[in-house]
Amino acid sequence: MATVLDMSLDELVYGQQNEKARLHLADNELLSLFNKTQQLPDDQKKTVVDLLSAFLLKSNLKQQLS
């Protein structure tokens, strides 16, 4: 079936990456920003990941202290 539809078996079973992200991200602005981030060089992508990780860690720590 995947061959007939000209797609990989993974795409057929799990959907395309964008569709999977779209199902999990309700915020279109975040989805758009993440899509744009994928086009950045690897070192800049790592910076974005580091910034998000630090922000989420700080947010979690604040919640635990409250």
N, C-alpha and C. Protein backbone atom coordinates (compact mmCIF):
# COMPACT_ATOMS: atom_id res chain seq x y z
N MET A 1 0.82 -1.19 0.00
CA MET A 1 0.00 0.00 0.00
C MET A 1 0.87 1.26 0.00
N ALA A 2 1.95 1.25 0.80
CA ALA A 2 2.84 2.40 0.86
C ALA A 2 3.45 2.69 -0.51
N THR A 3 3.80 1.64 -1.26
CA THR A 3 4.38 1.81 -2.58
C THR A 3 3.38 2.45 -3.53
N VAL A 4 2.15 1.99 -3.49
CA VAL A 4 1.10 2.53 -4.35
C VAL A 4 0.88 4.02 -4.05
N LEU A 5 0.94 4.39 -2.77
CA LEU A 5 0.73 5.78 -2.37
C LEU A 5 1.99 6.62 -2.47
N ASP A 6 3.10 6.01 -2.89
CA ASP A 6 4.39 6.67 -3.04
C ASP A 6 4.83 7.34 -1.74
N MET A 7 4.81 6.57 -0.64
CA MET A 7 5.27 7.05 0.66
C MET A 7 5.93 5.90 1.39
N SER A 8 6.68 6.23 2.41
CA SER A 8 7.34 5.18 3.18
C SER A 8 6.33 4.50 4.09
N LEU A 9 6.68 3.32 4.56
CA LEU A 9 5.82 2.60 5.48
C LEU A 9 5.65 3.38 6.79
N ASP A 10 6.73 4.02 7.26
CA ASP A 10 6.65 4.84 8.47
C ASP A 10 5.64 5.98 8.30
N GLU A 11 5.68 6.64 7.14
CA GLU A 11 4.73 7.73 6.90
C GLU A 11 3.30 7.20 6.89
N LEU A 12 3.11 6.05 6.30
CA LEU A 12 1.78 5.46 6.23
C LEU A 12 1.26 5.10 7.62
N VAL A 13 2.12 4.50 8.43
CA VAL A 13 1.71 4.05 9.75
C VAL A 13 1.63 5.21 10.75
N TYR A 14 2.66 6.04 10.77
CA TYR A 14 2.77 7.06 11.80
C TYR A 14 2.41 8.47 11.33
N GLY A 15 2.30 8.68 10.04
CA GLY A 15 2.01 10.01 9.51
C GLY A 15 3.29 10.78 9.29
N GLN A 16 3.18 11.87 8.56
CA GLN A 16 4.34 12.71 8.30
C GLN A 16 4.71 13.46 9.57
N GLN A 17 5.98 13.85 9.68
CA GLN A 17 6.47 14.55 10.87
C GLN A 17 5.63 15.80 11.16
N ASN A 18 5.33 16.57 10.13
CA ASN A 18 4.54 17.78 10.34
C ASN A 18 3.17 17.46 10.90
N GLU A 19 2.56 16.41 10.40
CA GLU A 19 1.23 16.03 10.87
C GLU A 19 1.29 15.56 12.32
N LYS A 20 2.33 14.81 12.68
CA LYS A 20 2.48 14.37 14.07
C LYS A 20 2.65 15.58 14.97
N ALA A 21 3.49 16.53 14.55
CA ALA A 21 3.69 17.73 15.35
C ALA A 21 2.40 18.52 15.45
N ARG A 22 1.68 18.64 14.35
CA ARG A 22 0.43 19.41 14.34
C ARG A 22 -0.59 18.80 15.29
N LEU A 23 -0.59 17.47 15.42
CA LEU A 23 -1.53 16.81 16.33
C LEU A 23 -1.19 17.09 17.79
N HIS A 24 0.10 17.28 18.08
CA HIS A 24 0.53 17.47 19.46
C HIS A 24 0.65 18.93 19.87
N LEU A 25 0.79 19.81 18.90
CA LEU A 25 0.94 21.24 19.19
C LEU A 25 -0.30 21.98 18.75
N ALA A 26 -1.08 22.44 19.70
CA ALA A 26 -2.30 23.17 19.38
C ALA A 26 -2.00 24.62 19.02
N ASP A 27 -0.87 25.14 19.46
CA ASP A 27 -0.51 26.52 19.21
C ASP A 27 0.18 26.65 17.85
N ASN A 28 -0.50 27.26 16.89
CA ASN A 28 0.05 27.38 15.53
C ASN A 28 1.31 28.22 15.48
N GLU A 29 1.41 29.21 16.36
CA GLU A 29 2.61 30.05 16.38
C GLU A 29 3.83 29.23 16.79
N LEU A 30 3.67 28.39 17.83
CA LEU A 30 4.77 27.52 18.25
C LEU A 30 5.14 26.54 17.14
N LEU A 31 4.15 25.96 16.51
CA LEU A 31 4.41 25.02 15.41
C LEU A 31 5.18 25.70 14.29
N SER A 32 4.78 26.90 13.94
CA SER A 32 5.47 27.65 12.90
C SER A 32 6.92 27.95 13.29
N LEU A 33 7.11 28.35 14.53
CA LEU A 33 8.47 28.64 14.99
C LEU A 33 9.35 27.38 15.01
N PHE A 34 8.78 26.26 15.44
CA PHE A 34 9.54 25.01 15.43
C PHE A 34 9.88 24.60 14.01
N ASN A 35 8.96 24.79 13.08
CA ASN A 35 9.24 24.47 11.68
C ASN A 35 10.37 25.33 11.14
N LYS A 36 10.36 26.61 11.46
CA LYS A 36 11.43 27.51 11.02
C LYS A 36 12.76 27.14 11.67
N THR A 37 12.71 26.70 12.91
CA THR A 37 13.91 26.32 13.63
C THR A 37 14.62 25.15 12.95
N GLN A 38 13.86 24.25 12.34
CA GLN A 38 14.45 23.09 11.68
C GLN A 38 15.36 23.48 10.53
N GLN A 39 15.18 24.68 9.99
CA GLN A 39 16.00 25.13 8.86
C GLN A 39 17.31 25.78 9.29
N LEU A 40 17.47 25.98 10.59
CA LEU A 40 18.69 26.60 11.10
C LEU A 40 19.86 25.62 11.07
N PRO A 41 21.08 26.16 11.08
CA PRO A 41 22.25 25.28 11.21
C PRO A 41 22.21 24.55 12.55
N ASP A 42 22.88 23.43 12.63
CA ASP A 42 22.85 22.57 13.82
C ASP A 42 23.24 23.30 15.09
N ASP A 43 24.26 24.17 15.02
CA ASP A 43 24.69 24.86 16.24
C ASP A 43 23.60 25.82 16.74
N GLN A 44 22.87 26.43 15.83
CA GLN A 44 21.78 27.32 16.24
C GLN A 44 20.58 26.52 16.77
N LYS A 45 20.33 25.36 16.17
CA LYS A 45 19.26 24.50 16.68
C LYS A 45 19.58 24.07 18.11
N LYS A 46 20.84 23.74 18.37
CA LYS A 46 21.24 23.34 19.71
C LYS A 46 21.02 24.48 20.69
N THR A 47 21.29 25.70 20.27
CA THR A 47 21.06 26.87 21.12
C THR A 47 19.58 27.01 21.46
N VAL A 48 18.71 26.81 20.48
CA VAL A 48 17.26 26.88 20.72
C VAL A 48 16.85 25.80 21.72
N VAL A 49 17.36 24.60 21.55
CA VAL A 49 17.04 23.50 22.47
C VAL A 49 17.53 23.83 23.87
N ASP A 50 18.75 24.37 23.97
CA ASP A 50 19.30 24.74 25.28
C ASP A 50 18.44 25.82 25.95
N LEU A 51 18.02 26.82 25.17
CA LEU A 51 17.17 27.89 25.72
C LEU A 51 15.83 27.34 26.20
N LEU A 52 15.21 26.50 25.41
CA LEU A 52 13.93 25.90 25.82
C LEU A 52 14.10 25.04 27.07
N SER A 53 15.16 24.26 27.10
CA SER A 53 15.40 23.40 28.27
C SER A 53 15.60 24.23 29.52
N ALA A 54 16.38 25.30 29.41
CA ALA A 54 16.62 26.17 30.56
C ALA A 54 15.32 26.84 31.01
N PHE A 55 14.55 27.32 30.07
CA PHE A 55 13.29 27.98 30.40
C PHE A 55 12.33 27.03 31.11
N LEU A 56 12.22 25.81 30.57
CA LEU A 56 11.32 24.82 31.17
C LEU A 56 11.80 24.38 32.55
N LEU A 57 13.11 24.24 32.71
CA LEU A 57 13.67 23.89 34.02
C LEU A 57 13.34 24.98 35.04
N LYS A 58 13.55 26.24 34.65
CA LYS A 58 13.24 27.35 35.56
C LYS A 58 11.75 27.37 35.90
N SER A 59 10.91 27.15 34.92
CA SER A 59 9.46 27.13 35.14
C SER A 59 9.06 26.00 36.09
N ASN A 60 9.63 24.84 35.90
CA ASN A 60 9.34 23.70 36.78
C ASN A 60 9.82 23.96 38.21
N LEU A 61 10.98 24.55 38.35
CA LEU A 61 11.50 24.86 39.69
C LEU A 61 10.60 25.87 40.40
N LYS A 62 10.12 26.88 39.67
CA LYS A 62 9.23 27.86 40.26
C LYS A 62 7.94 27.20 40.74
N GLN A 63 7.42 26.28 39.94
CA GLN A 63 6.18 25.58 40.32
C GLN A 63 6.40 24.74 41.56
N GLN A 64 7.54 24.09 41.66
CA GLN A 64 7.80 23.23 42.81
C GLN A 64 7.99 24.06 44.08
N LEU A 65 8.51 25.27 43.95
CA LEU A 65 8.74 26.11 45.11
C LEU A 65 7.47 26.85 45.55
N SER A 66 6.49 26.88 44.69
CA SER A 66 5.24 27.57 45.05
C SER A 66 4.32 26.73 45.87
